[in-house]
Amino acid sequence: YCNGQLPKLQNQVVIEVDDEQKITNMGIDVKTAADVNY
């Protein structure tokens, strides 16, 4: 994954990770202008 502005692509995945880099949550086509892990 990368961190930054969310690309405008269909079914783009946004993730949240814990301290061990395990993915704890995942969103699809999230609407946000903030930097995210995608």
PDB file of all heavy atoms in Angstrom:
ATOM      1  N   TYR A   1       0.826  -1.206   0.000  1.00  0.00           N
ATOM      2  CA  TYR A   1       0.000   0.000   0.000  1.00  0.00           C
ATOM      3  C   TYR A   1       0.861   1.258   0.000  1.00  0.00           C
ATOM      4  O   TYR A   1       2.048   1.239   0.333  1.00  0.00           O
ATOM      5  CB  TYR A   1      -0.949   0.015   1.202  1.00  0.00           C
ATOM      6  CG  TYR A   1      -0.282   0.224   2.553  1.00  0.00           C
ATOM      7  CD1 TYR A   1      -0.107   1.510   3.073  1.00  0.00           C
ATOM      8  CD2 TYR A   1       0.154  -0.852   3.319  1.00  0.00           C
ATOM      9  CE1 TYR A   1       0.488   1.710   4.316  1.00  0.00           C
ATOM     10  CE2 TYR A   1       0.747  -0.658   4.559  1.00  0.00           C
ATOM     11  CZ  TYR A   1       0.910   0.618   5.055  1.00  0.00           C
ATOM     12  OH  TYR A   1       1.510   0.822   6.282  1.00  0.00           O
ATOM     13  N   CYS A   2       0.242   2.354  -0.421  1.00  0.00           N
ATOM     14  CA  CYS A   2       0.879   3.671  -0.427  1.00  0.00           C
ATOM     15  C   CYS A   2       0.086   4.585   0.496  1.00  0.00           C
ATOM     16  O   CYS A   2      -1.068   4.310   0.820  1.00  0.00           O
ATOM     17  CB  CYS A   2       0.897   4.259  -1.834  1.00  0.00           C
ATOM     18  SG  CYS A   2       1.612   3.187  -3.103  1.00  0.00           S
ATOM     19  N   ASN A   3       0.715   5.676   0.893  1.00  0.00           N
ATOM     20  CA  ASN A   3       0.017   6.675   1.692  1.00  0.00           C
ATOM     21  C   ASN A   3      -0.033   7.976   0.914  1.00  0.00           C
ATOM     22  O   ASN A   3       0.986   8.464   0.425  1.00  0.00           O
ATOM     23  CB  ASN A   3       0.722   6.896   3.036  1.00  0.00           C
ATOM     24  CG  ASN A   3       0.002   7.917   3.897  1.00  0.00           C
ATOM     25  OD1 ASN A   3       0.306   9.100   3.859  1.00  0.00           O
ATOM     26  ND2 ASN A   3      -0.972   7.453   4.667  1.00  0.00           N
ATOM     27  N   GLY A   4      -1.226   8.529   0.775  1.00  0.00           N
ATOM     28  CA  GLY A   4      -1.375   9.781   0.043  1.00  0.00           C
ATOM     29  C   GLY A   4      -2.805  10.000  -0.387  1.00  0.00           C
ATOM     30  O   GLY A   4      -3.731   9.388   0.156  1.00  0.00           O
ATOM     31  N   GLN A   5      -2.985  10.880  -1.367  1.00  0.00           N
ATOM     32  CA  GLN A   5      -4.315  11.160  -1.891  1.00  0.00           C
ATOM     33  C   GLN A   5      -4.857   9.919  -2.604  1.00  0.00           C
ATOM     34  O   GLN A   5      -4.158   9.269  -3.368  1.00  0.00           O
ATOM     35  CB  GLN A   5      -4.261  12.328  -2.868  1.00  0.00           C
ATOM     36  CG  GLN A   5      -4.028  13.676  -2.203  1.00  0.00           C
ATOM     37  CD  GLN A   5      -5.234  14.156  -1.415  1.00  0.00           C
ATOM     38  OE1 GLN A   5      -6.351  14.195  -1.929  1.00  0.00           O
ATOM     39  NE2 GLN A   5      -5.015  14.518  -0.168  1.00  0.00           N
ATOM     40  N   LEU A   6      -6.111   9.618  -2.361  1.00  0.00           N
ATOM     41  CA  LEU A   6      -6.729   8.414  -2.902  1.00  0.00           C
ATOM     42  C   LEU A   6      -6.906   8.520  -4.420  1.00  0.00           C
ATOM     43  O   LEU A   6      -7.523   9.461  -4.911  1.00  0.00           O
ATOM     44  CB  LEU A   6      -8.094   8.202  -2.240  1.00  0.00           C
ATOM     45  CG  LEU A   6      -8.816   6.883  -2.502  1.00  0.00           C
ATOM     46  CD1 LEU A   6      -8.020   5.726  -1.939  1.00  0.00           C
ATOM     47  CD2 LEU A   6     -10.217   6.924  -1.904  1.00  0.00           C
ATOM     48  N   PRO A   7      -6.351   7.572  -5.180  1.00  0.00           N
ATOM     49  CA  PRO A   7      -6.567   7.583  -6.632  1.00  0.00           C
ATOM     50  C   PRO A   7      -8.051   7.431  -6.960  1.00  0.00           C
ATOM     51  O   PRO A   7      -8.794   6.775  -6.239  1.00  0.00           O
ATOM     52  CB  PRO A   7      -5.764   6.364  -7.121  1.00  0.00           C
ATOM     53  CG  PRO A   7      -4.751   6.116  -6.054  1.00  0.00           C
ATOM     54  CD  PRO A   7      -5.434   6.494  -4.765  1.00  0.00           C
ATOM     55  N   LYS A   8      -8.448   8.019  -8.070  1.00  0.00           N
ATOM     56  CA  LYS A   8      -9.848   7.961  -8.482  1.00  0.00           C
ATOM     57  C   LYS A   8     -10.067   6.759  -9.381  1.00  0.00           C
ATOM     58  O   LYS A   8     -10.262   6.885 -10.601  1.00  0.00           O
ATOM     59  CB  LYS A   8     -10.231   9.270  -9.179  1.00  0.00           C
ATOM     60  CG  LYS A   8     -10.106  10.484  -8.274  1.00  0.00           C
ATOM     61  CD  LYS A   8     -10.395  11.777  -9.023  1.00  0.00           C
ATOM     62  CE  LYS A   8     -10.218  12.978  -8.107  1.00  0.00           C
ATOM     63  NZ  LYS A   8     -10.457  14.269  -8.814  1.00  0.00           N
ATOM     64  N   LEU A   9     -10.038   5.582  -8.778  1.00  0.00           N
ATOM     65  CA  LEU A   9     -10.194   4.330  -9.504  1.00  0.00           C
ATOM     66  C   LEU A   9     -11.354   3.538  -8.937  1.00  0.00           C
ATOM     67  O   LEU A   9     -11.653   3.618  -7.734  1.00  0.00           O
ATOM     68  CB  LEU A   9      -8.911   3.496  -9.405  1.00  0.00           C
ATOM     69  CG  LEU A   9      -7.648   4.093 -10.032  1.00  0.00           C
ATOM     70  CD1 LEU A   9      -6.431   3.272  -9.660  1.00  0.00           C
ATOM     71  CD2 LEU A   9      -7.788   4.177 -11.544  1.00  0.00           C
ATOM     72  N   GLN A  10     -11.982   2.740  -9.781  1.00  0.00           N
ATOM     73  CA  GLN A  10     -13.103   1.925  -9.342  1.00  0.00           C
ATOM     74  C   GLN A  10     -12.623   0.840  -8.383  1.00  0.00           C
ATOM     75  O   GLN A  10     -11.577   0.231  -8.581  1.00  0.00           O
ATOM     76  CB  GLN A  10     -13.785   1.288 -10.554  1.00  0.00           C
ATOM     77  CG  GLN A  10     -15.055   0.532 -10.224  1.00  0.00           C
ATOM     78  CD  GLN A  10     -15.737   0.004 -11.468  1.00  0.00           C
ATOM     79  OE1 GLN A  10     -15.257   0.184 -12.578  1.00  0.00           O
ATOM     80  NE2 GLN A  10     -16.884  -0.639 -11.280  1.00  0.00           N
ATOM     81  N   ASN A  11     -13.380   0.603  -7.324  1.00  0.00           N
ATOM     82  CA  ASN A  11     -13.067  -0.422  -6.317  1.00  0.00           C
ATOM     83  C   ASN A  11     -11.722  -0.190  -5.641  1.00  0.00           C
ATOM     84  O   ASN A  11     -11.027  -1.139  -5.272  1.00  0.00           O
ATOM     85  CB  ASN A  11     -13.088  -1.824  -6.941  1.00  0.00           C
ATOM     86  CG  ASN A  11     -14.478  -2.235  -7.393  1.00  0.00           C
ATOM     87  OD1 ASN A  11     -15.468  -1.906  -6.752  1.00  0.00           O
ATOM     88  ND2 ASN A  11     -14.552  -2.941  -8.510  1.00  0.00           N
ATOM     89  N   GLN A  12     -11.347   1.073  -5.461  1.00  0.00           N
ATOM     90  CA  GLN A  12     -10.089   1.387  -4.794  1.00  0.00           C
ATOM     91  C   GLN A  12     -10.184   1.037  -3.310  1.00  0.00           C
ATOM     92  O   GLN A  12     -11.126   1.430  -2.626  1.00  0.00           O
ATOM     93  CB  GLN A  12      -9.757   2.866  -4.958  1.00  0.00           C
ATOM     94  CG  GLN A  12      -8.441   3.284  -4.330  1.00  0.00           C
ATOM     95  CD  GLN A  12      -7.249   2.610  -4.963  1.00  0.00           C
ATOM     96  OE1 GLN A  12      -6.985   2.772  -6.143  1.00  0.00           O
ATOM     97  NE2 GLN A  12      -6.518   1.836  -4.176  1.00  0.00           N
ATOM     98  N   VAL A  13      -9.195   0.296  -2.821  1.00  0.00           N
ATOM     99  CA  VAL A  13      -9.205  -0.201  -1.445  1.00  0.00           C
ATOM    100  C   VAL A  13      -8.450   0.748  -0.524  1.00  0.00           C
ATOM    101  O   VAL A  13      -7.324   1.160  -0.835  1.00  0.00           O
ATOM    102  CB  VAL A  13      -8.563  -1.607  -1.375  1.00  0.00           C
ATOM    103  CG1 VAL A  13      -8.436  -2.066   0.067  1.00  0.00           C
ATOM    104  CG2 VAL A  13      -9.390  -2.598  -2.189  1.00  0.00           C
ATOM    105  N   VAL A  14      -9.062   1.095   0.599  1.00  0.00           N
ATOM    106  CA  VAL A  14      -8.425   1.879   1.655  1.00  0.00           C
ATOM    107  C   VAL A  14      -8.292   0.984   2.877  1.00  0.00           C
ATOM    108  O   VAL A  14      -9.238   0.267   3.234  1.00  0.00           O
ATOM    109  CB  VAL A  14      -9.255   3.131   2.013  1.00  0.00           C
ATOM    110  CG1 VAL A  14      -8.652   3.858   3.206  1.00  0.00           C
ATOM    111  CG2 VAL A  14      -9.342   4.061   0.808  1.00  0.00           C
ATOM    112  N   ILE A  15      -7.110   0.994   3.503  1.00  0.00           N
ATOM    113  CA  ILE A  15      -6.892   0.087   4.622  1.00  0.00           C
ATOM    114  C   ILE A  15      -6.461   0.825   5.885  1.00  0.00           C
ATOM    115  O   ILE A  15      -5.938   1.939   5.823  1.00  0.00           O
ATOM    116  CB  ILE A  15      -5.825  -0.983   4.284  1.00  0.00           C
ATOM    117  CG1 ILE A  15      -4.458  -0.322   4.058  1.00  0.00           C
ATOM    118  CG2 ILE A  15      -6.238  -1.785   3.066  1.00  0.00           C
ATOM    119  CD1 ILE A  15      -3.317  -1.317   3.887  1.00  0.00           C
ATOM    120  N   GLU A  16      -6.712   0.179   7.016  1.00  0.00           N
ATOM    121  CA  GLU A  16      -6.182   0.616   8.305  1.00  0.00           C
ATOM    122  C   GLU A  16      -5.349  -0.527   8.868  1.00  0.00           C
ATOM    123  O   GLU A  16      -5.758  -1.692   8.785  1.00  0.00           O
ATOM    124  CB  GLU A  16      -7.314   0.961   9.273  1.00  0.00           C
ATOM    125  CG  GLU A  16      -8.141   2.166   8.850  1.00  0.00           C
ATOM    126  CD  GLU A  16      -9.285   2.460   9.816  1.00  0.00           C
ATOM    127  OE1 GLU A  16      -9.355   1.757  10.869  1.00  0.00           O
ATOM    128  OE2 GLU A  16     -10.088   3.351   9.519  1.00  0.00           O
ATOM    129  N   VAL A  17      -4.170  -0.210   9.393  1.00  0.00           N
ATOM    130  CA  VAL A  17      -3.277  -1.242   9.927  1.00  0.00           C
ATOM    131  C   VAL A  17      -2.944  -0.943  11.384  1.00  0.00           C
ATOM    132  O   VAL A  17      -2.973   0.213  11.817  1.00  0.00           O
ATOM    133  CB  VAL A  17      -1.970  -1.328   9.099  1.00  0.00           C
ATOM    134  CG1 VAL A  17      -2.262  -1.763   7.669  1.00  0.00           C
ATOM    135  CG2 VAL A  17      -1.228   0.009   9.098  1.00  0.00           C
ATOM    136  N   ASP A  18      -2.624  -2.010  12.134  1.00  0.00           N
ATOM    137  CA  ASP A  18      -2.202  -1.821  13.516  1.00  0.00           C
ATOM    138  C   ASP A  18      -0.681  -1.676  13.573  1.00  0.00           C
ATOM    139  O   ASP A  18      -0.010  -1.564  12.545  1.00  0.00           O
ATOM    140  CB  ASP A  18      -2.703  -2.973  14.399  1.00  0.00           C
ATOM    141  CG  ASP A  18      -2.160  -4.337  13.967  1.00  0.00           C
ATOM    142  OD1 ASP A  18      -1.141  -4.374  13.229  1.00  0.00           O
ATOM    143  OD2 ASP A  18      -2.737  -5.362  14.371  1.00  0.00           O
ATOM    144  N   ASP A  19      -0.119  -1.716  14.766  1.00  0.00           N
ATOM    145  CA  ASP A  19       1.320  -1.530  14.943  1.00  0.00           C
ATOM    146  C   ASP A  19       2.140  -2.636  14.300  1.00  0.00           C
ATOM    147  O   ASP A  19       3.321  -2.455  13.993  1.00  0.00           O
ATOM    148  CB  ASP A  19       1.663  -1.439  16.440  1.00  0.00           C
ATOM    149  CG  ASP A  19       1.076  -0.185  17.082  1.00  0.00           C
ATOM    150  OD1 ASP A  19       0.789   0.771  16.332  1.00  0.00           O
ATOM    151  OD2 ASP A  19       0.907  -0.171  18.312  1.00  0.00           O
ATOM    152  N   GLU A  20       1.512  -3.790  14.088  1.00  0.00           N
ATOM    153  CA  GLU A  20       2.208  -4.923  13.463  1.00  0.00           C
ATOM    154  C   GLU A  20       1.964  -4.969  11.956  1.00  0.00           C
ATOM    155  O   GLU A  20       2.364  -5.927  11.292  1.00  0.00           O
ATOM    156  CB  GLU A  20       1.736  -6.239  14.110  1.00  0.00           C
ATOM    157  CG  GLU A  20       2.063  -6.370  15.588  1.00  0.00           C
ATOM    158  CD  GLU A  20       3.555  -6.356  15.849  1.00  0.00           C
ATOM    159  OE1 GLU A  20       4.277  -6.982  15.040  1.00  0.00           O
ATOM    160  OE2 GLU A  20       3.981  -5.730  16.835  1.00  0.00           O
ATOM    161  N   GLN A  21       1.307  -3.947  11.433  1.00  0.00           N
ATOM    162  CA  GLN A  21       0.983  -3.842  10.006  1.00  0.00           C
ATOM    163  C   GLN A  21      -0.103  -4.831   9.562  1.00  0.00           C
ATOM    164  O   GLN A  21      -0.298  -5.049   8.364  1.00  0.00           O
ATOM    165  CB  GLN A  21       2.232  -4.023   9.132  1.00  0.00           C
ATOM    166  CG  GLN A  21       3.238  -2.898   9.263  1.00  0.00           C
ATOM    167  CD  GLN A  21       2.672  -1.546   8.807  1.00  0.00           C
ATOM    168  OE1 GLN A  21       2.323  -1.384   7.651  1.00  0.00           O
ATOM    169  NE2 GLN A  21       2.587  -0.595   9.724  1.00  0.00           N
ATOM    170  N   LYS A  22      -0.814  -5.421  10.529  1.00  0.00           N
ATOM    171  CA  LYS A  22      -1.948  -6.257  10.172  1.00  0.00           C
ATOM    172  C   LYS A  22      -3.128  -5.363   9.823  1.00  0.00           C
ATOM    173  O   LYS A  22      -3.409  -4.376  10.510  1.00  0.00           O
ATOM    174  CB  LYS A  22      -2.326  -7.199  11.309  1.00  0.00           C
ATOM    175  CG  LYS A  22      -3.432  -8.188  10.929  1.00  0.00           C
ATOM    176  CD  LYS A  22      -3.704  -9.196  12.025  1.00  0.00           C
ATOM    177  CE  LYS A  22      -4.770 -10.199  11.581  1.00  0.00           C
ATOM    178  NZ  LYS A  22      -5.067 -11.207  12.632  1.00  0.00           N
ATOM    179  N   ILE A  23      -3.824  -5.698   8.755  1.00  0.00           N
ATOM    180  CA  ILE A  23      -4.960  -4.895   8.323  1.00  0.00           C
ATOM    181  C   ILE A  23      -6.152  -5.174   9.229  1.00  0.00           C
ATOM    182  O   ILE A  23      -6.600  -6.317   9.359  1.00  0.00           O
ATOM    183  CB  ILE A  23      -5.308  -5.188   6.852  1.00  0.00           C
ATOM    184  CG1 ILE A  23      -4.147  -4.770   5.942  1.00  0.00           C
ATOM    185  CG2 ILE A  23      -6.588  -4.453   6.438  1.00  0.00           C
ATOM    186  CD1 ILE A  23      -4.351  -5.079   4.477  1.00  0.00           C
ATOM    187  N   THR A  24      -6.648  -4.120   9.867  1.00  0.00           N
ATOM    188  CA  THR A  24      -7.752  -4.258  10.810  1.00  0.00           C
ATOM    189  C   THR A  24      -9.088  -3.809  10.228  1.00  0.00           C
ATOM    190  O   THR A  24     -10.143  -4.184  10.733  1.00  0.00           O
ATOM    191  CB  THR A  24      -7.469  -3.441  12.076  1.00  0.00           C
ATOM    192  OG1 THR A  24      -7.248  -2.061  11.708  1.00  0.00           O
ATOM    193  CG2 THR A  24      -6.227  -3.972  12.792  1.00  0.00           C
ATOM    194  N   ASN A  25      -9.012  -2.994   9.201  1.00  0.00           N
ATOM    195  CA  ASN A  25     -10.245  -2.489   8.594  1.00  0.00           C
ATOM    196  C   ASN A  25      -9.971  -2.171   7.129  1.00  0.00           C
ATOM    197  O   ASN A  25      -8.859  -1.793   6.759  1.00  0.00           O
ATOM    198  CB  ASN A  25     -10.739  -1.243   9.322  1.00  0.00           C
ATOM    199  CG  ASN A  25     -12.168  -0.884   8.950  1.00  0.00           C
ATOM    200  OD1 ASN A  25     -12.920  -1.724   8.450  1.00  0.00           O
ATOM    201  ND2 ASN A  25     -12.552   0.359   9.171  1.00  0.00           N
ATOM    202  N   MET A  26     -10.986  -2.325   6.321  1.00  0.00           N
ATOM    203  CA  MET A  26     -10.819  -2.105   4.887  1.00  0.00           C
ATOM    204  C   MET A  26     -12.077  -1.458   4.326  1.00  0.00           C
ATOM    205  O   MET A  26     -13.194  -1.911   4.588  1.00  0.00           O
ATOM    206  CB  MET A  26     -10.553  -3.441   4.181  1.00  0.00           C
ATOM    207  CG  MET A  26     -10.260  -3.327   2.695  1.00  0.00           C
ATOM    208  SD  MET A  26      -9.926  -4.957   1.951  1.00  0.00           S
ATOM    209  CE  MET A  26      -8.415  -5.436   2.786  1.00  0.00           C
ATOM    210  N   GLY A  27     -11.895  -0.380   3.578  1.00  0.00           N
ATOM    211  CA  GLY A  27     -13.014   0.298   2.929  1.00  0.00           C
ATOM    212  C   GLY A  27     -12.845   0.271   1.418  1.00  0.00           C
ATOM    213  O   GLY A  27     -11.728   0.200   0.910  1.00  0.00           O
ATOM    214  N   ILE A  28     -13.944   0.330   0.701  1.00  0.00           N
ATOM    215  CA  ILE A  28     -13.935   0.326  -0.762  1.00  0.00           C
ATOM    216  C   ILE A  28     -14.590   1.611  -1.265  1.00  0.00           C
ATOM    217  O   ILE A  28     -15.681   1.967  -0.814  1.00  0.00           O
ATOM    218  CB  ILE A  28     -14.705  -0.890  -1.335  1.00  0.00           C
ATOM    219  CG1 ILE A  28     -14.283  -2.193  -0.645  1.00  0.00           C
ATOM    220  CG2 ILE A  28     -14.509  -0.971  -2.841  1.00  0.00           C
ATOM    221  CD1 ILE A  28     -12.864  -2.614  -0.905  1.00  0.00           C
ATOM    222  N   ASP A  29     -13.928   2.286  -2.181  1.00  0.00           N
ATOM    223  CA  ASP A  29     -14.452   3.529  -2.774  1.00  0.00           C
ATOM    224  C   ASP A  29     -14.833   4.556  -1.707  1.00  0.00           C
ATOM    225  O   ASP A  29     -15.922   5.142  -1.714  1.00  0.00           O
ATOM    226  CB  ASP A  29     -15.666   3.237  -3.671  1.00  0.00           C
ATOM    227  CG  ASP A  29     -15.285   2.471  -4.926  1.00  0.00           C
ATOM    228  OD1 ASP A  29     -14.123   2.600  -5.361  1.00  0.00           O
ATOM    229  OD2 ASP A  29     -16.138   1.733  -5.461  1.00  0.00           O
ATOM    230  N   VAL A  30     -13.916   4.766  -0.774  1.00  0.00           N
ATOM    231  CA  VAL A  30     -14.133   5.730   0.306  1.00  0.00           C
ATOM    232  C   VAL A  30     -14.082   7.154  -0.258  1.00  0.00           C
ATOM    233  O   VAL A  30     -13.244   7.472  -1.101  1.00  0.00           O
ATOM    234  CB  VAL A  30     -13.060   5.559   1.398  1.00  0.00           C
ATOM    235  CG1 VAL A  30     -13.211   6.611   2.481  1.00  0.00           C
ATOM    236  CG2 VAL A  30     -13.141   4.164   1.996  1.00  0.00           C
ATOM    237  N   LYS A  31     -14.970   8.000   0.221  1.00  0.00           N
ATOM    238  CA  LYS A  31     -14.995   9.396  -0.212  1.00  0.00           C
ATOM    239  C   LYS A  31     -14.256  10.246   0.821  1.00  0.00           C
ATOM    240  O   LYS A  31     -14.741  10.464   1.928  1.00  0.00           O
ATOM    241  CB  LYS A  31     -16.436   9.894  -0.363  1.00  0.00           C
ATOM    242  CG  LYS A  31     -17.307   9.052  -1.282  1.00  0.00           C
ATOM    243  CD  LYS A  31     -16.783   9.026  -2.705  1.00  0.00           C
ATOM    244  CE  LYS A  31     -17.694   8.200  -3.612  1.00  0.00           C
ATOM    245  NZ  LYS A  31     -17.168   8.094  -4.994  1.00  0.00           N
ATOM    246  N   THR A  32     -13.050  10.705   0.466  1.00  0.00           N
ATOM    247  CA  THR A  32     -12.264  11.519   1.383  1.00  0.00           C
ATOM    248  C   THR A  32     -11.225  12.309   0.603  1.00  0.00           C
ATOM    249  O   THR A  32     -10.747  11.864  -0.444  1.00  0.00           O
ATOM    250  CB  THR A  32     -11.556  10.650   2.438  1.00  0.00           C
ATOM    251  OG1 THR A  32     -10.762  11.485   3.293  1.00  0.00           O
ATOM    252  CG2 THR A  32     -10.659   9.615   1.785  1.00  0.00           C
ATOM    253  N   ALA A  33     -10.899  13.488   1.140  1.00  0.00           N
ATOM    254  CA  ALA A  33      -9.852  14.308   0.532  1.00  0.00           C
ATOM    255  C   ALA A  33      -8.557  14.231   1.336  1.00  0.00           C
ATOM    256  O   ALA A  33      -7.536  14.792   0.935  1.00  0.00           O
ATOM    257  CB  ALA A  33     -10.317  15.758   0.437  1.00  0.00           C
ATOM    258  N   ALA A  34      -8.608  13.526   2.470  1.00  0.00           N
ATOM    259  CA  ALA A  34      -7.431  13.405   3.332  1.00  0.00           C
ATOM    260  C   ALA A  34      -6.486  12.319   2.810  1.00  0.00           C
ATOM    261  O   ALA A  34      -6.874  11.456   2.021  1.00  0.00           O
ATOM    262  CB  ALA A  34      -7.866  13.075   4.756  1.00  0.00           C
ATOM    263  N   ASP A  35      -5.234  12.356   3.258  1.00  0.00           N
ATOM    264  CA  ASP A  35      -4.288  11.300   2.923  1.00  0.00           C
ATOM    265  C   ASP A  35      -4.697  10.003   3.619  1.00  0.00           C
ATOM    266  O   ASP A  35      -5.073  10.015   4.800  1.00  0.00           O
ATOM    267  CB  ASP A  35      -2.870  11.681   3.364  1.00  0.00           C
ATOM    268  CG  ASP A  35      -2.252  12.745   2.464  1.00  0.00           C
ATOM    269  OD1 ASP A  35      -2.892  13.117   1.467  1.00  0.00           O
ATOM    270  OD2 ASP A  35      -1.131  13.198   2.761  1.00  0.00           O
ATOM    271  N   VAL A  36      -4.638   8.912   2.898  1.00  0.00           N
ATOM    272  CA  VAL A  36      -5.042   7.604   3.428  1.00  0.00           C
ATOM    273  C   VAL A  36      -4.045   6.547   2.990  1.00  0.00           C
ATOM    274  O   VAL A  36      -3.196   6.774   2.125  1.00  0.00           O
ATOM    275  CB  VAL A  36      -6.459   7.215   2.935  1.00  0.00           C
ATOM    276  CG1 VAL A  36      -7.515   8.153   3.486  1.00  0.00           C
ATOM    277  CG2 VAL A  36      -6.503   7.193   1.402  1.00  0.00           C
ATOM    278  N   ASN A  37      -4.157   5.366   3.600  1.00  0.00           N
ATOM    279  CA  ASN A  37      -3.406   4.199   3.140  1.00  0.00           C
ATOM    280  C   ASN A  37      -4.256   3.476   2.099  1.00  0.00           C
ATOM    281  O   ASN A  37      -5.322   2.954   2.423  1.00  0.00           O
ATOM    282  CB  ASN A  37      -3.110   3.252   4.299  1.00  0.00           C
ATOM    283  CG  ASN A  37      -2.204   3.868   5.349  1.00  0.00           C
ATOM    284  OD1 ASN A  37      -1.341   4.679   5.030  1.00  0.00           O
ATOM    285  ND2 ASN A  37      -2.400   3.496   6.610  1.00  0.00           N
ATOM    286  N   TYR A  38      -3.794   3.473   0.858  1.00  0.00           N
ATOM    287  CA  TYR A  38      -4.577   2.841  -0.200  1.00  0.00           C
ATOM    288  C   TYR A  38      -3.777   1.731  -0.874  1.00  0.00           C
ATOM    289  O   TYR A  38      -2.547   1.797  -0.984  1.00  0.00           O
ATOM    290  CB  TYR A  38      -5.045   3.864  -1.237  1.00  0.00           C
ATOM    291  CG  TYR A  38      -3.942   4.575  -1.982  1.00  0.00           C
ATOM    292  CD1 TYR A  38      -3.403   4.042  -3.154  1.00  0.00           C
ATOM    293  CD2 TYR A  38      -3.438   5.790  -1.520  1.00  0.00           C
ATOM    294  CE1 TYR A  38      -2.395   4.694  -3.843  1.00  0.00           C
ATOM    295  CE2 TYR A  38      -2.426   6.447  -2.197  1.00  0.00           C
ATOM    296  CZ  TYR A  38      -1.916   5.897  -3.359  1.00  0.00           C
ATOM    297  OH  TYR A  38      -0.908   6.538  -4.039  1.00  0.00           O
TER     298      TYR A  38
END
